Amino acid sequence: MVVYEDGLQTRDFVHIEDVVNANMLVLEQDAANAHAFKCREWKADIGIDYARLVREKVGNQVVFLTPGEYRTGDNRHSVSSISKLQALGWSPKRSLSQILDDF
């Protein structure tokens, strides 16, 4: 598995069931009409930590490399705010670990 950059870039993830729950909440609340919402896990995950968790889940036979390569057009940090969904009462229920387990 290749971990791009230095492994310290951040991404946010969300379980599909949490996405479904967010969509159902938005559909049911008039206050959500004509608004766009971002849906993600509680926190941003660091690339190298993600790789370590994948290795833990599938076994230590997974080798990951951090060659310091950057992908053209990729951004260093990609993290969304969930404050608008939280204001409606939504919060993610599943962690990155659970996302990987279900995957």
C-alpha atoms as a PDB file:
ATOM      1  CA  MET A   1       0.000   0.000   0.000  1.00  0.00           C
ATOM      2  CA  VAL A   2       1.386   3.397  -0.954  1.00  0.00           C
ATOM      3  CA  VAL A   3       0.958   6.256   1.503  1.00  0.00           C
ATOM      4  CA  TYR A   4       1.453   9.405  -0.517  1.00  0.00           C
ATOM      5  CA  GLU A   5       3.280  12.547   0.585  1.00  0.00           C
ATOM      6  CA  ASP A   6       4.745  12.113   4.069  1.00  0.00           C
ATOM      7  CA  GLY A   7       1.697  10.294   5.460  1.00  0.00           C
ATOM      8  CA  LEU A   8       0.565  13.311   7.461  1.00  0.00           C
ATOM      9  CA  GLN A   9      -2.152  14.494   5.076  1.00  0.00           C
ATOM     10  CA  THR A  10      -5.679  14.350   6.451  1.00  0.00           C
ATOM     11  CA  ARG A  11      -8.938  12.992   5.102  1.00  0.00           C
ATOM     12  CA  ASP A  12     -12.351  12.492   6.576  1.00  0.00           C
ATOM     13  CA  PHE A  13     -14.411   9.358   6.182  1.00  0.00           C
ATOM     14  CA  VAL A  14     -17.975   8.384   6.909  1.00  0.00           C
ATOM     15  CA  HIS A  15     -19.827   5.085   7.050  1.00  0.00           C
ATOM     16  CA  ILE A  16     -22.578   4.675   4.453  1.00  0.00           C
ATOM     17  CA  GLU A  17     -25.139   3.995   7.194  1.00  0.00           C
ATOM     18  CA  ASP A  18     -24.285   7.358   8.776  1.00  0.00           C
ATOM     19  CA  VAL A  19     -24.769   8.990   5.364  1.00  0.00           C
ATOM     20  CA  VAL A  20     -28.179   7.331   5.017  1.00  0.00           C
ATOM     21  CA  ASN A  21     -29.163   8.505   8.513  1.00  0.00           C
ATOM     22  CA  ALA A  22     -28.062  12.067   7.697  1.00  0.00           C
ATOM     23  CA  ASN A  23     -30.078  12.051   4.480  1.00  0.00           C
ATOM     24  CA  MET A  24     -33.182  10.756   6.227  1.00  0.00           C
ATOM     25  CA  LEU A  25     -32.873  13.445   8.905  1.00  0.00           C
ATOM     26  CA  VAL A  26     -32.501  16.183   6.282  1.00  0.00           C
ATOM     27  CA  LEU A  27     -35.515  14.890   4.350  1.00  0.00           C
ATOM     28  CA  GLU A  28     -37.659  14.977   7.471  1.00  0.00           C
ATOM     29  CA  GLN A  29     -36.790  18.503   8.670  1.00  0.00           C
ATOM     30  CA  ASP A  30     -38.167  21.638   7.052  1.00  0.00           C
ATOM     31  CA  ALA A  31     -35.227  23.601   8.473  1.00  0.00           C
ATOM     32  CA  ALA A  32     -32.999  21.681   6.072  1.00  0.00           C
ATOM     33  CA  ASN A  33     -34.810  22.806   2.923  1.00  0.00           C
ATOM     34  CA  ALA A  34     -32.590  24.505   0.315  1.00  0.00           C
ATOM     35  CA  HIS A  35     -29.398  23.799   2.278  1.00  0.00           C
ATOM     36  CA  ALA A  36     -26.331  21.741   1.399  1.00  0.00           C
ATOM     37  CA  PHE A  37     -24.798  19.537   4.083  1.00  0.00           C
ATOM     38  CA  LYS A  38     -21.443  17.851   4.531  1.00  0.00           C
ATOM     39  CA  CYS A  39     -21.353  14.464   6.158  1.00  0.00           C
ATOM     40  CA  ARG A  40     -18.282  12.820   7.671  1.00  0.00           C
ATOM     41  CA  GLU A  41     -16.808  11.111  10.714  1.00  0.00           C
ATOM     42  CA  TRP A  42     -16.085  13.087  13.884  1.00  0.00           C
ATOM     43  CA  LYS A  43     -12.469  13.788  13.084  1.00  0.00           C
ATOM     44  CA  ALA A  44      -9.981  13.890  10.289  1.00  0.00           C
ATOM     45  CA  ASP A  45      -7.752  10.864   9.898  1.00  0.00           C
ATOM     46  CA  ILE A  46      -4.052  11.080   9.118  1.00  0.00           C
ATOM     47  CA  GLY A  47      -2.904   9.049   6.123  1.00  0.00           C
ATOM     48  CA  ILE A  48      -0.263   7.007   7.905  1.00  0.00           C
ATOM     49  CA  ASP A  49      -2.699   6.173  10.736  1.00  0.00           C
ATOM     50  CA  TYR A  50      -5.225   4.988   8.147  1.00  0.00           C
ATOM     51  CA  ALA A  51      -2.578   2.720   6.604  1.00  0.00           C
ATOM     52  CA  ARG A  52      -1.653   1.314  10.011  1.00  0.00           C
ATOM     53  CA  LEU A  53      -5.309   0.601  10.793  1.00  0.00           C
ATOM     54  CA  VAL A  54      -5.778  -1.176   7.450  1.00  0.00           C
ATOM     55  CA  ARG A  55      -2.694  -3.274   8.196  1.00  0.00           C
ATOM     56  CA  GLU A  56      -4.059  -4.104  11.647  1.00  0.00           C
ATOM     57  CA  LYS A  57      -7.408  -5.162  10.158  1.00  0.00           C
ATOM     58  CA  VAL A  58      -6.039  -7.389   7.396  1.00  0.00           C
ATOM     59  CA  GLY A  59      -2.932  -8.645   9.126  1.00  0.00           C
ATOM     60  CA  ASN A  60       0.645  -7.557   9.362  1.00  0.00           C
ATOM     61  CA  GLN A  61       1.477  -8.994   5.934  1.00  0.00           C
ATOM     62  CA  VAL A  62       0.472  -5.647   4.401  1.00  0.00           C
ATOM     63  CA  VAL A  63       3.488  -3.504   3.651  1.00  0.00           C
ATOM     64  CA  PHE A  64       3.096   0.197   3.149  1.00  0.00           C
ATOM     65  CA  LEU A  65       5.571   2.557   1.594  1.00  0.00           C
ATOM     66  CA  THR A  66       5.887   6.286   2.108  1.00  0.00           C
ATOM     67  CA  PRO A  67       8.025   7.311  -0.874  1.00  0.00           C
ATOM     68  CA  GLY A  68       7.308  11.035  -0.490  1.00  0.00           C
ATOM     69  CA  GLU A  69       5.465  11.188  -3.811  1.00  0.00           C
ATOM     70  CA  TYR A  70       2.768  13.770  -4.357  1.00  0.00           C
ATOM     71  CA  ARG A  71      -0.186  13.164  -6.655  1.00  0.00           C
ATOM     72  CA  THR A  72      -0.947  15.915  -9.130  1.00  0.00           C
ATOM     73  CA  GLY A  73      -4.080  17.798  -8.152  1.00  0.00           C
ATOM     74  CA  ASP A  74      -4.369  16.183  -4.723  1.00  0.00           C
ATOM     75  CA  ASN A  75      -4.852  18.473  -1.752  1.00  0.00           C
ATOM     76  CA  ARG A  76      -2.967  18.059   1.507  1.00  0.00           C
ATOM     77  CA  HIS A  77      -5.969  18.282   3.802  1.00  0.00           C
ATOM     78  CA  SER A  78      -9.551  17.407   2.928  1.00  0.00           C
ATOM     79  CA  VAL A  79     -11.816  17.845   5.916  1.00  0.00           C
ATOM     80  CA  SER A  80     -15.439  18.997   6.029  1.00  0.00           C
ATOM     81  CA  SER A  81     -17.438  20.684   8.755  1.00  0.00           C
ATOM     82  CA  ILE A  82     -20.474  18.792  10.046  1.00  0.00           C
ATOM     83  CA  SER A  83     -21.762  21.672  12.176  1.00  0.00           C
ATOM     84  CA  LYS A  84     -24.907  22.184  10.057  1.00  0.00           C
ATOM     85  CA  LEU A  85     -25.910  18.539  10.441  1.00  0.00           C
ATOM     86  CA  GLN A  86     -25.074  18.616  14.129  1.00  0.00           C
ATOM     87  CA  ALA A  87     -27.412  21.597  14.531  1.00  0.00           C
ATOM     88  CA  LEU A  88     -30.196  19.345  13.217  1.00  0.00           C
ATOM     89  CA  GLY A  89     -29.296  16.658  15.745  1.00  0.00           C
ATOM     90  CA  TRP A  90     -27.141  14.356  13.595  1.00  0.00           C
ATOM     91  CA  SER A  91     -23.822  12.875  14.555  1.00  0.00           C
ATOM     92  CA  PRO A  92     -21.876   9.975  13.055  1.00  0.00           C
ATOM     93  CA  LYS A  93     -22.188   6.741  14.983  1.00  0.00           C
ATOM     94  CA  ARG A  94     -19.469   4.631  13.370  1.00  0.00           C
ATOM     95  CA  SER A  95     -15.705   5.082  13.582  1.00  0.00           C
ATOM     96  CA  LEU A  96     -13.095   4.539  10.883  1.00  0.00           C
ATOM     97  CA  SER A  97     -12.383   1.181  12.488  1.00  0.00           C
ATOM     98  CA  GLN A  98     -16.028   0.165  12.012  1.00  0.00           C
ATOM     99  CA  ILE A  99     -15.981   1.469   8.431  1.00  0.00           C
ATOM    100  CA  LEU A 100     -13.030  -0.791   7.642  1.00  0.00           C
ATOM    101  CA  ASP A 101     -14.609  -3.755   9.428  1.00  0.00           C
ATOM    102  CA  ASP A 102     -17.728  -3.448   7.318  1.00  0.00           C
ATOM    103  CA  PHE A 103     -15.744  -2.906   4.140  1.00  0.00           C
END
